[in-house]
Amino acid sequence: MAGYAELTIEQGADFSTTITVNDNTGNPQNLTSYTAGSQLRKSYYSSTAYDLTAEVTTPANGVITLSMTSANTANLTPGRMLYDVLITSPTGVKTRVVEGIMVIMPSITR
């Protein structure tokens, strides 16, 4: 079962955060040769998706970095969106490791 985390993106600003994927014993999962992907959507059924850059940055310690440039966050509508992070093993097995709500905070300065 995927973990849950509520995150915040500030509209018009660079966004970056890390998550650590743990195995079923609570230890960091070795993600060597894994890839990751992540998207934001307004609802589970929305056809419009916004890609987050998801990169396995410290594979031996199970660390994934999620990021989005300021140019891309500027295009997000303030409010609540849903997101998840999927990892793909070297053999092609896909696993959702985290999901939750992404709060988009509106920008004042443009």
PDB file of N, CA and C in Angstrom:
ATOM      1  N   MET A   1       0.846  -1.179   0.000  1.00  0.00           N
ATOM      2  CA  MET A   1       0.000   0.000   0.000  1.00  0.00           C
ATOM      3  C   MET A   1       0.894   1.246   0.000  1.00  0.00           C
ATOM      4  N   ALA A   2       0.512   2.199  -0.805  1.00  0.00           N
ATOM      5  CA  ALA A   2       1.286   3.435  -0.932  1.00  0.00           C
ATOM      6  C   ALA A   2       1.179   4.281   0.327  1.00  0.00           C
ATOM      7  N   GLY A   3       2.259   5.002   0.627  1.00  0.00           N
ATOM      8  CA  GLY A   3       2.228   5.964   1.716  1.00  0.00           C
ATOM      9  C   GLY A   3       1.439   7.192   1.298  1.00  0.00           C
ATOM     10  N   TYR A   4       1.121   8.036   2.262  1.00  0.00           N
ATOM     11  CA  TYR A   4       0.350   9.255   2.008  1.00  0.00           C
ATOM     12  C   TYR A   4       1.141  10.460   2.498  1.00  0.00           C
ATOM     13  N   ALA A   5       1.188  11.506   1.675  1.00  0.00           N
ATOM     14  CA  ALA A   5       1.843  12.749   2.085  1.00  0.00           C
ATOM     15  C   ALA A   5       1.136  13.933   1.430  1.00  0.00           C
ATOM     16  N   GLU A   6       0.872  14.963   2.228  1.00  0.00           N
ATOM     17  CA  GLU A   6       0.322  16.213   1.699  1.00  0.00           C
ATOM     18  C   GLU A   6       1.492  17.164   1.490  1.00  0.00           C
ATOM     19  N   LEU A   7       1.611  17.690   0.265  1.00  0.00           N
ATOM     20  CA  LEU A   7       2.710  18.581  -0.102  1.00  0.00           C
ATOM     21  C   LEU A   7       2.164  19.906  -0.601  1.00  0.00           C
ATOM     22  N   THR A   8       3.025  20.919  -0.654  1.00  0.00           N
ATOM     23  CA  THR A   8       2.629  22.248  -1.110  1.00  0.00           C
ATOM     24  C   THR A   8       3.570  22.731  -2.200  1.00  0.00           C
ATOM     25  N   ILE A   9       2.994  23.270  -3.259  1.00  0.00           N
ATOM     26  CA  ILE A   9       3.748  23.932  -4.320  1.00  0.00           C
ATOM     27  C   ILE A   9       3.358  25.401  -4.301  1.00  0.00           C
ATOM     28  N   GLU A  10       4.342  26.282  -4.342  1.00  0.00           N
ATOM     29  CA  GLU A  10       4.071  27.712  -4.456  1.00  0.00           C
ATOM     30  C   GLU A  10       4.063  28.065  -5.938  1.00  0.00           C
ATOM     31  N   GLN A  11       2.926  28.554  -6.401  1.00  0.00           N
ATOM     32  CA  GLN A  11       2.756  28.908  -7.809  1.00  0.00           C
ATOM     33  C   GLN A  11       3.829  29.903  -8.237  1.00  0.00           C
ATOM     34  N   GLY A  12       4.491  29.634  -9.374  1.00  0.00           N
ATOM     35  CA  GLY A  12       5.497  30.537  -9.913  1.00  0.00           C
ATOM     36  C   GLY A  12       6.877  30.400  -9.295  1.00  0.00           C
ATOM     37  N   ALA A  13       7.055  29.465  -8.371  1.00  0.00           N
ATOM     38  CA  ALA A  13       8.360  29.243  -7.729  1.00  0.00           C
ATOM     39  C   ALA A  13       8.853  27.841  -8.075  1.00  0.00           C
ATOM     40  N   ASP A  14      10.169  27.654  -8.042  1.00  0.00           N
ATOM     41  CA  ASP A  14      10.729  26.318  -8.226  1.00  0.00           C
ATOM     42  C   ASP A  14      10.286  25.433  -7.069  1.00  0.00           C
ATOM     43  N   PHE A  15       9.987  24.176  -7.383  1.00  0.00           N
ATOM     44  CA  PHE A  15       9.542  23.209  -6.370  1.00  0.00           C
ATOM     45  C   PHE A  15      10.499  22.032  -6.367  1.00  0.00           C
ATOM     46  N   SER A  16      10.883  21.578  -5.178  1.00  0.00           N
ATOM     47  CA  SER A  16      11.704  20.378  -5.039  1.00  0.00           C
ATOM     48  C   SER A  16      11.488  19.789  -3.648  1.00  0.00           C
ATOM     49  N   THR A  17      11.318  18.487  -3.593  1.00  0.00           N
ATOM     50  CA  THR A  17      11.204  17.779  -2.326  1.00  0.00           C
ATOM     51  C   THR A  17      11.706  16.361  -2.519  1.00  0.00           C
ATOM     52  N   THR A  18      12.061  15.709  -1.441  1.00  0.00           N
ATOM     53  CA  THR A  18      12.503  14.321  -1.534  1.00  0.00           C
ATOM     54  C   THR A  18      11.573  13.425  -0.741  1.00  0.00           C
ATOM     55  N   ILE A  19      11.476  12.194  -1.208  1.00  0.00           N
ATOM     56  CA  ILE A  19      10.760  11.158  -0.469  1.00  0.00           C
ATOM     57  C   ILE A  19      11.698   9.963  -0.349  1.00  0.00           C
ATOM     58  N   THR A  20      11.554   9.220   0.717  1.00  0.00           N
ATOM     59  CA  THR A  20      12.336   8.009   0.911  1.00  0.00           C
ATOM     60  C   THR A  20      11.385   6.820   0.860  1.00  0.00           C
ATOM     61  N   VAL A  21      11.695   5.880  -0.016  1.00  0.00           N
ATOM     62  CA  VAL A  21      10.891   4.677  -0.161  1.00  0.00           C
ATOM     63  C   VAL A  21      11.452   3.620   0.770  1.00  0.00           C
ATOM     64  N   ASN A  22      10.599   3.089   1.628  1.00  0.00           N
ATOM     65  CA  ASN A  22      11.007   2.045   2.565  1.00  0.00           C
ATOM     66  C   ASN A  22      10.434   0.701   2.142  1.00  0.00           C
ATOM     67  N   ASP A  23      11.153  -0.377   2.470  1.00  0.00           N
ATOM     68  CA  ASP A  23      10.651  -1.720   2.189  1.00  0.00           C
ATOM     69  C   ASP A  23       9.659  -2.126   3.284  1.00  0.00           C
ATOM     70  N   ASN A  24       9.175  -3.361   3.219  1.00  0.00           N
ATOM     71  CA  ASN A  24       8.146  -3.785   4.176  1.00  0.00           C
ATOM     72  C   ASN A  24       8.680  -3.988   5.599  1.00  0.00           C
ATOM     73  N   THR A  25      10.002  -3.873   5.795  1.00  0.00           N
ATOM     74  CA  THR A  25      10.561  -3.947   7.147  1.00  0.00           C
ATOM     75  C   THR A  25      10.861  -2.563   7.709  1.00  0.00           C
ATOM     76  N   GLY A  26      10.593  -1.514   6.915  1.00  0.00           N
ATOM     77  CA  GLY A  26      10.822  -0.149   7.368  1.00  0.00           C
ATOM     78  C   GLY A  26      12.186   0.410   7.028  1.00  0.00           C
ATOM     79  N   ASN A  27      13.009  -0.381   6.342  1.00  0.00           N
ATOM     80  CA  ASN A  27      14.331   0.085   5.925  1.00  0.00           C
ATOM     81  C   ASN A  27      14.262   0.694   4.533  1.00  0.00           C
ATOM     82  N   PRO A  28      15.163   1.638   4.214  1.00  0.00           N
ATOM     83  CA  PRO A  28      15.160   2.219   2.869  1.00  0.00           C
ATOM     84  C   PRO A  28      15.322   1.123   1.810  1.00  0.00           C
ATOM     85  N   GLN A  29      14.477   1.194   0.784  1.00  0.00           N
ATOM     86  CA  GLN A  29      14.516   0.215  -0.301  1.00  0.00           C
ATOM     87  C   GLN A  29      15.604   0.605  -1.296  1.00  0.00           C
ATOM     88  N   ASN A  30      16.409  -0.361  -1.706  1.00  0.00           N
ATOM     89  CA  ASN A  30      17.431  -0.101  -2.708  1.00  0.00           C
ATOM     90  C   ASN A  30      16.749   0.068  -4.068  1.00  0.00           C
ATOM     91  N   LEU A  31      16.871   1.245  -4.650  1.00  0.00           N
ATOM     92  CA  LEU A  31      16.214   1.561  -5.920  1.00  0.00           C
ATOM     93  C   LEU A  31      17.202   1.612  -7.090  1.00  0.00           C
ATOM     94  N   THR A  32      18.321   0.924  -6.958  1.00  0.00           N
ATOM     95  CA  THR A  32      19.287   0.880  -8.048  1.00  0.00           C
ATOM     96  C   THR A  32      18.619   0.315  -9.303  1.00  0.00           C
ATOM     97  N   SER A  33      18.762   1.019 -10.419  1.00  0.00           N
ATOM     98  CA  SER A  33      18.196   0.674 -11.733  1.00  0.00           C
ATOM     99  C   SER A  33      16.682   0.856 -11.815  1.00  0.00           C
ATOM    100  N   TYR A  34      16.055   1.445 -10.804  1.00  0.00           N
ATOM    101  CA  TYR A  34      14.632   1.770 -10.859  1.00  0.00           C
ATOM    102  C   TYR A  34      14.460   3.133 -11.532  1.00  0.00           C
ATOM    103  N   THR A  35      13.291   3.361 -12.083  1.00  0.00           N
ATOM    104  CA  THR A  35      12.908   4.681 -12.570  1.00  0.00           C
ATOM    105  C   THR A  35      11.669   5.112 -11.794  1.00  0.00           C
ATOM    106  N   ALA A  36      11.371   6.406 -11.857  1.00  0.00           N
ATOM    107  CA  ALA A  36      10.207   6.929 -11.138  1.00  0.00           C
ATOM    108  C   ALA A  36       9.443   7.888 -12.038  1.00  0.00           C
ATOM    109  N   GLY A  37       8.156   8.013 -11.789  1.00  0.00           N
ATOM    110  CA  GLY A  37       7.303   8.958 -12.502  1.00  0.00           C
ATOM    111  C   GLY A  37       6.270   9.519 -11.548  1.00  0.00           C
ATOM    112  N   SER A  38       5.796  10.740 -11.860  1.00  0.00           N
ATOM    113  CA  SER A  38       4.818  11.377 -10.986  1.00  0.00           C
ATOM    114  C   SER A  38       3.986  12.372 -11.777  1.00  0.00           C
ATOM    115  N   GLN A  39       2.709  12.458 -11.453  1.00  0.00           N
ATOM    116  CA  GLN A  39       1.801  13.419 -12.090  1.00  0.00           C
ATOM    117  C   GLN A  39       0.867  14.037 -11.064  1.00  0.00           C
ATOM    118  N   LEU A  40       0.389  15.250 -11.431  1.00  0.00           N
ATOM    119  CA  LEU A  40      -0.664  15.954 -10.693  1.00  0.00           C
ATOM    120  C   LEU A  40      -1.920  15.944 -11.554  1.00  0.00           C
ATOM    121  N   ARG A  41      -3.070  15.799 -10.927  1.00  0.00           N
ATOM    122  CA  ARG A  41      -4.366  15.911 -11.617  1.00  0.00           C
ATOM    123  C   ARG A  41      -5.363  16.559 -10.655  1.00  0.00           C
ATOM    124  N   LYS A  42      -6.331  17.251 -11.219  1.00  0.00           N
ATOM    125  CA  LYS A  42      -7.363  17.895 -10.400  1.00  0.00           C
ATOM    126  C   LYS A  42      -8.241  16.852  -9.710  1.00  0.00           C
ATOM    127  N   SER A  43      -8.510  15.743 -10.399  1.00  0.00           N
ATOM    128  CA  SER A  43      -9.282  14.647  -9.807  1.00  0.00           C
ATOM    129  C   SER A  43      -8.739  13.337 -10.364  1.00  0.00           C
ATOM    130  N   TYR A  44      -9.179  12.247  -9.790  1.00  0.00           N
ATOM    131  CA  TYR A  44      -8.740  10.938 -10.268  1.00  0.00           C
ATOM    132  C   TYR A  44      -9.114  10.726 -11.735  1.00  0.00           C
ATOM    133  N   TYR A  45     -10.169  11.366 -12.194  1.00  0.00           N
ATOM    134  CA  TYR A  45     -10.696  11.120 -13.524  1.00  0.00           C
ATOM    135  C   TYR A  45     -10.339  12.213 -14.522  1.00  0.00           C
ATOM    136  N   SER A  46      -9.576  13.207 -14.108  1.00  0.00           N
ATOM    137  CA  SER A  46      -9.212  14.316 -14.977  1.00  0.00           C
ATOM    138  C   SER A  46      -8.322  13.834 -16.124  1.00  0.00           C
ATOM    139  N   SER A  47      -8.609  14.305 -17.337  1.00  0.00           N
ATOM    140  CA  SER A  47      -7.770  13.942 -18.481  1.00  0.00           C
ATOM    141  C   SER A  47      -6.544  14.855 -18.582  1.00  0.00           C
ATOM    142  N   THR A  48      -6.550  15.968 -17.870  1.00  0.00           N
ATOM    143  CA  THR A  48      -5.410  16.887 -17.861  1.00  0.00           C
ATOM    144  C   THR A  48      -4.458  16.501 -16.737  1.00  0.00           C
ATOM    145  N   ALA A  49      -3.193  16.287 -17.109  1.00  0.00           N
ATOM    146  CA  ALA A  49      -2.178  15.913 -16.114  1.00  0.00           C
ATOM    147  C   ALA A  49      -0.984  16.842 -16.245  1.00  0.00           C
ATOM    148  N   TYR A  50      -0.333  17.093 -15.124  1.00  0.00           N
ATOM    149  CA  TYR A  50       0.894  17.888 -15.075  1.00  0.00           C
ATOM    150  C   TYR A  50       2.001  16.972 -14.561  1.00  0.00           C
ATOM    151  N   ASP A  51       3.069  16.851 -15.326  1.00  0.00           N
ATOM    152  CA  ASP A  51       4.173  15.979 -14.932  1.00  0.00           C
ATOM    153  C   ASP A  51       5.088  16.656 -13.921  1.00  0.00           C
ATOM    154  N   LEU A  52       5.403  15.928 -12.875  1.00  0.00           N
ATOM    155  CA  LEU A  52       6.470  16.303 -11.953  1.00  0.00           C
ATOM    156  C   LEU A  52       7.714  15.533 -12.400  1.00  0.00           C
ATOM    157  N   THR A  53       8.865  16.148 -12.325  1.00  0.00           N
ATOM    158  CA  THR A  53      10.095  15.405 -12.564  1.00  0.00           C
ATOM    159  C   THR A  53      10.331  14.525 -11.353  1.00  0.00           C
ATOM    160  N   ALA A  54      10.450  13.230 -11.575  1.00  0.00           N
ATOM    161  CA  ALA A  54      10.687  12.269 -10.485  1.00  0.00           C
ATOM    162  C   ALA A  54      11.970  11.524 -10.821  1.00  0.00           C
ATOM    163  N   GLU A  55      12.976  11.714  -9.988  1.00  0.00           N
ATOM    164  CA  GLU A  55      14.289  11.136 -10.260  1.00  0.00           C
ATOM    165  C   GLU A  55      14.788  10.377  -9.032  1.00  0.00           C
ATOM    166  N   VAL A  56      15.256   9.159  -9.256  1.00  0.00           N
ATOM    167  CA  VAL A  56      15.868   8.385  -8.176  1.00  0.00           C
ATOM    168  C   VAL A  56      17.259   8.982  -7.970  1.00  0.00           C
ATOM    169  N   THR A  57      17.424   9.755  -6.903  1.00  0.00           N
ATOM    170  CA  THR A  57      18.662  10.525  -6.715  1.00  0.00           C
ATOM    171  C   THR A  57      19.682   9.840  -5.810  1.00  0.00           C
ATOM    172  N   THR A  58      19.233   9.032  -4.865  1.00  0.00           N
ATOM    173  CA  THR A  58      20.147   8.265  -4.015  1.00  0.00           C
ATOM    174  C   THR A  58      19.605   6.840  -3.967  1.00  0.00           C
ATOM    175  N   PRO A  59      19.893   6.055  -5.006  1.00  0.00           N
ATOM    176  CA  PRO A  59      19.261   4.740  -5.139  1.00  0.00           C
ATOM    177  C   PRO A  59      19.457   3.813  -3.939  1.00  0.00           C
ATOM    178  N   ALA A  60      20.662   3.735  -3.407  1.00  0.00           N
ATOM    179  CA  ALA A  60      20.933   2.797  -2.303  1.00  0.00           C
ATOM    180  C   ALA A  60      20.125   3.121  -1.054  1.00  0.00           C
ATOM    181  N   ASN A  61      19.727   4.391  -0.901  1.00  0.00           N
ATOM    182  CA  ASN A  61      18.957   4.810   0.274  1.00  0.00           C
ATOM    183  C   ASN A  61      17.487   5.053  -0.036  1.00  0.00           C
ATOM    184  N   GLY A  62      17.036   4.673  -1.230  1.00  0.00           N
ATOM    185  CA  GLY A  62      15.627   4.781  -1.584  1.00  0.00           C
ATOM    186  C   GLY A  62      15.102   6.190  -1.744  1.00  0.00           C
ATOM    187  N   VAL A  63      15.968   7.149  -2.101  1.00  0.00           N
ATOM    188  CA  VAL A  63      15.554   8.553  -2.165  1.00  0.00           C
ATOM    189  C   VAL A  63      15.158   8.936  -3.596  1.00  0.00           C
ATOM    190  N   ILE A  64      13.976   9.524  -3.695  1.00  0.00           N
ATOM    191  CA  ILE A  64      13.445  10.060  -4.954  1.00  0.00           C
ATOM    192  C   ILE A  64      13.247  11.557  -4.770  1.00  0.00           C
ATOM    193  N   THR A  65      13.696  12.344  -5.749  1.00  0.00           N
ATOM    194  CA  THR A  65      13.478  13.787  -5.732  1.00  0.00           C
ATOM    195  C   THR A  65      12.370  14.129  -6.714  1.00  0.00           C
ATOM    196  N   LEU A  66      11.373  14.856  -6.221  1.00  0.00           N
ATOM    197  CA  LEU A  66      10.295  15.386  -7.059  1.00  0.00           C
ATOM    198  C   LEU A  66      10.575  16.858  -7.268  1.00  0.00           C
ATOM    199  N   SER A  67      10.417  17.341  -8.502  1.00  0.00           N
ATOM    200  CA  SER A  67      10.670  18.758  -8.757  1.00  0.00           C
ATOM    201  C   SER A  67       9.815  19.255  -9.909  1.00  0.00           C
ATOM    202  N   MET A  68       9.707  20.580  -9.973  1.00  0.00           N
ATOM    203  CA  MET A  68       8.989  21.262 -11.049  1.00  0.00           C
ATOM    204  C   MET A  68       9.571  22.660 -11.146  1.00  0.00           C
ATOM    205  N   THR A  69       9.806  23.121 -12.365  1.00  0.00           N
ATOM    206  CA  THR A  69      10.379  24.449 -12.563  1.00  0.00           C
ATOM    207  C   THR A  69       9.348  25.535 -12.287  1.00  0.00           C
ATOM    208  N   SER A  70       9.840  26.736 -12.050  1.00  0.00           N
ATOM    209  CA  SER A  70       8.942  27.870 -11.802  1.00  0.00           C
ATOM    210  C   SER A  70       8.051  28.145 -13.004  1.00  0.00           C
ATOM    211  N   ALA A  71       8.573  27.939 -14.209  1.00  0.00           N
ATOM    212  CA  ALA A  71       7.752  28.140 -15.414  1.00  0.00           C
ATOM    213  C   ALA A  71       6.566  27.181 -15.425  1.00  0.00           C
ATOM    214  N   ASN A  72       6.775  25.954 -14.953  1.00  0.00           N
ATOM    215  CA  ASN A  72       5.681  24.982 -14.919  1.00  0.00           C
ATOM    216  C   ASN A  72       4.734  25.204 -13.747  1.00  0.00           C
ATOM    217  N   THR A  73       5.258  25.578 -12.575  1.00  0.00           N
ATOM    218  CA  THR A  73       4.354  25.824 -11.447  1.00  0.00           C
ATOM    219  C   THR A  73       3.488  27.060 -11.690  1.00  0.00           C
ATOM    220  N   ALA A  74       3.986  27.995 -12.514  1.00  0.00           N
ATOM    221  CA  ALA A  74       3.203  29.190 -12.838  1.00  0.00           C
ATOM    222  C   ALA A  74       1.926  28.834 -13.601  1.00  0.00           C
ATOM    223  N   ASN A  75       1.926  27.681 -14.282  1.00  0.00           N
ATOM    224  CA  ASN A  75       0.764  27.240 -15.059  1.00  0.00           C
ATOM    225  C   ASN A  75      -0.265  26.470 -14.240  1.00  0.00           C
ATOM    226  N   LEU A  76       0.041  26.209 -12.976  1.00  0.00           N
ATOM    227  CA  LEU A  76      -0.894  25.466 -12.128  1.00  0.00           C
ATOM    228  C   LEU A  76      -1.945  26.396 -11.544  1.00  0.00           C
ATOM    229  N   THR A  77      -3.167  25.909 -11.474  1.00  0.00           N
ATOM    230  CA  THR A  77      -4.260  26.666 -10.878  1.00  0.00           C
ATOM    231  C   THR A  77      -4.229  26.471  -9.361  1.00  0.00           C
ATOM    232  N   PRO A  78      -4.266  27.556  -8.590  1.00  0.00           N
ATOM    233  CA  PRO A  78      -4.268  27.411  -7.133  1.00  0.00           C
ATOM    234  C   PRO A  78      -5.425  26.526  -6.661  1.00  0.00           C
ATOM    235  N   GLY A  79      -5.156  25.797  -5.602  1.00  0.00           N
ATOM    236  CA  GLY A  79      -6.154  24.892  -5.039  1.00  0.00           C
ATOM    237  C   GLY A  79      -5.523  23.555  -4.719  1.00  0.00           C
ATOM    238  N   ARG A  80      -6.387  22.550  -4.615  1.00  0.00           N
ATOM    239  CA  ARG A  80      -5.921  21.212  -4.269  1.00  0.00           C
ATOM    240  C   ARG A  80      -5.896  20.333  -5.500  1.00  0.00           C
ATOM    241  N   MET A  81      -4.833  19.556  -5.624  1.00  0.00           N
ATOM    242  CA  MET A  81      -4.714  18.573  -6.697  1.00  0.00           C
ATOM    243  C   MET A  81      -4.278  17.250  -6.074  1.00  0.00           C
ATOM    244  N   LEU A  82      -4.400  16.190  -6.834  1.00  0.00           N
ATOM    245  CA  LEU A  82      -3.961  14.872  -6.400  1.00  0.00           C
ATOM    246  C   LEU A  82      -2.664  14.524  -7.114  1.00  0.00           C
ATOM    247  N   TYR A  83      -1.816  13.741  -6.462  1.00  0.00           N
ATOM    248  CA  TYR A  83      -0.585  13.283  -7.096  1.00  0.00           C
ATOM    249  C   TYR A  83      -0.267  11.886  -6.613  1.00  0.00           C
ATOM    250  N   ASP A  84       0.598  11.215  -7.354  1.00  0.00           N
ATOM    251  CA  ASP A  84       1.184   9.983  -6.866  1.00  0.00           C
ATOM    252  C   ASP A  84       2.561   9.813  -7.488  1.00  0.00           C
ATOM    253  N   VAL A  85       3.307   8.863  -6.947  1.00  0.00           N
ATOM    254  CA  VAL A  85       4.646   8.540  -7.441  1.00  0.00           C
ATOM    255  C   VAL A  85       4.682   7.043  -7.700  1.00  0.00           C
ATOM    256  N   LEU A  86       5.052   6.679  -8.928  1.00  0.00           N
ATOM    257  CA  LEU A  86       5.171   5.291  -9.345  1.00  0.00           C
ATOM    258  C   LEU A  86       6.636   4.978  -9.601  1.00  0.00           C
ATOM    259  N   ILE A  87       7.098   3.846  -9.076  1.00  0.00           N
ATOM    260  CA  ILE A  87       8.445   3.393  -9.414  1.00  0.00           C
ATOM    261  C   ILE A  87       8.318   2.176 -10.326  1.00  0.00           C
ATOM    262  N   THR A  88       9.308   2.007 -11.189  1.00  0.00           N
ATOM    263  CA  THR A  88       9.344   0.857 -12.091  1.00  0.00           C
ATOM    264  C   THR A  88      10.651   0.115 -11.840  1.00  0.00           C
ATOM    265  N   SER A  89      10.541  -1.162 -11.534  1.00  0.00           N
ATOM    266  CA  SER A  89      11.719  -1.984 -11.253  1.00  0.00           C
ATOM    267  C   SER A  89      12.455  -2.292 -12.563  1.00  0.00           C
ATOM    268  N   PRO A  90      13.673  -2.788 -12.459  1.00  0.00           N
ATOM    269  CA  PRO A  90      14.411  -3.159 -13.668  1.00  0.00           C
ATOM    270  C   PRO A  90      13.697  -4.227 -14.506  1.00  0.00           C
ATOM    271  N   THR A  91      12.813  -5.015 -13.885  1.00  0.00           N
ATOM    272  CA  THR A  91      12.073  -6.049 -14.622  1.00  0.00           C
ATOM    273  C   THR A  91      10.716  -5.555 -15.126  1.00  0.00           C
ATOM    274  N   GLY A  92      10.405  -4.265 -14.877  1.00  0.00           N
ATOM    275  CA  GLY A  92       9.169  -3.681 -15.387  1.00  0.00           C
ATOM    276  C   GLY A  92       7.994  -3.678 -14.440  1.00  0.00           C
ATOM    277  N   VAL A  93       8.183  -4.107 -13.191  1.00  0.00           N
ATOM    278  CA  VAL A  93       7.096  -4.108 -12.209  1.00  0.00           C
ATOM    279  C   VAL A  93       6.885  -2.681 -11.712  1.00  0.00           C
ATOM    280  N   LYS A  94       5.644  -2.199 -11.796  1.00  0.00           N
ATOM    281  CA  LYS A  94       5.301  -0.845 -11.357  1.00  0.00           C
ATOM    282  C   LYS A  94       4.645  -0.900  -9.982  1.00  0.00           C
ATOM    283  N   THR A  95       5.080   0.019  -9.105  1.00  0.00           N
ATOM    284  CA  THR A  95       4.549   0.086  -7.752  1.00  0.00           C
ATOM    285  C   THR A  95       4.301   1.540  -7.378  1.00  0.00           C
ATOM    286  N   ARG A  96       3.095   1.848  -6.908  1.00  0.00           N
ATOM    287  CA  ARG A  96       2.814   3.186  -6.399  1.00  0.00           C
ATOM    288  C   ARG A  96       3.355   3.253  -4.980  1.00  0.00           C
ATOM    289  N   VAL A  97       4.268   4.200  -4.718  1.00  0.00           N
ATOM    290  CA  VAL A  97       4.927   4.262  -3.415  1.00  0.00           C
ATOM    291  C   VAL A  97       4.420   5.386  -2.525  1.00  0.00           C
ATOM    292  N   VAL A  98       3.871   6.433  -3.118  1.00  0.00           N
ATOM    293  CA  VAL A  98       3.298   7.519  -2.323  1.00  0.00           C
ATOM    294  C   VAL A  98       2.203   8.184  -3.147  1.00  0.00           C
ATOM    295  N   GLU A  99       1.208   8.697  -2.440  1.00  0.00           N
ATOM    296  CA  GLU A  99       0.111   9.431  -3.061  1.00  0.00           C
ATOM    297  C   GLU A  99      -0.369  10.468  -2.064  1.00  0.00           C
ATOM    298  N   GLY A 100      -1.135  11.423  -2.560  1.00  0.00           N
ATOM    299  CA  GLY A 100      -1.670  12.403  -1.629  1.00  0.00           C
ATOM    300  C   GLY A 100      -2.219  13.627  -2.314  1.00  0.00           C
ATOM    301  N   ILE A 101      -2.308  14.672  -1.538  1.00  0.00           N
ATOM    302  CA  ILE A 101      -2.839  15.957  -1.998  1.00  0.00           C
ATOM    303  C   ILE A 101      -1.679  16.925  -2.146  1.00  0.00           C
ATOM    304  N   MET A 102      -1.693  17.657  -3.239  1.00  0.00           N
ATOM    305  CA  MET A 102      -0.717  18.718  -3.484  1.00  0.00           C
ATOM    306  C   MET A 102      -1.503  20.026  -3.441  1.00  0.00           C
ATOM    307  N   VAL A 103      -1.154  20.887  -2.501  1.00  0.00           N
ATOM    308  CA  VAL A 103      -1.821  22.179  -2.381  1.00  0.00           C
ATOM    309  C   VAL A 103      -1.014  23.189  -3.186  1.00  0.00           C
ATOM    310  N   ILE A 104      -1.683  23.844  -4.137  1.00  0.00           N
ATOM    311  CA  ILE A 104      -1.038  24.870  -4.967  1.00  0.00           C
ATOM    312  C   ILE A 104      -1.384  26.222  -4.357  1.00  0.00           C
ATOM    313  N   MET A 105      -0.364  26.902  -3.816  1.00  0.00           N
ATOM    314  CA  MET A 105      -0.555  28.202  -3.194  1.00  0.00           C
ATOM    315  C   MET A 105      -0.404  29.297  -4.255  1.00  0.00           C
ATOM    316  N   PRO A 106      -1.364  30.245  -4.338  1.00  0.00           N
ATOM    317  CA  PRO A 106      -1.295  31.265  -5.379  1.00  0.00           C
ATOM    318  C   PRO A 106      -0.140  32.227  -5.191  1.00  0.00           C
ATOM    319  N   SER A 107       0.320  32.748  -6.316  1.00  0.00           N
ATOM    320  CA  SER A 107       1.420  33.712  -6.324  1.00  0.00           C
ATOM    321  C   SER A 107       0.880  35.133  -6.297  1.00  0.00           C
ATOM    322  N   ILE A 108       1.552  36.010  -5.611  1.00  0.00           N
ATOM    323  CA  ILE A 108       1.211  37.433  -5.605  1.00  0.00           C
ATOM    324  C   ILE A 108       2.110  38.158  -6.616  1.00  0.00           C
ATOM    325  N   THR A 109       3.405  37.896  -6.512  1.00  0.00           N
ATOM    326  CA  THR A 109       4.385  38.536  -7.404  1.00  0.00           C
ATOM    327  C   THR A 109       4.432  37.798  -8.717  1.00  0.00           C
ATOM    328  N   ARG A 110       4.346  38.564  -9.823  1.00  0.00           N
ATOM    329  CA  ARG A 110       4.378  37.954 -11.162  1.00  0.00           C
ATOM    330  C   ARG A 110       5.444  38.594 -11.996  1.00  0.00           C
TER     331      ARG A 110
END
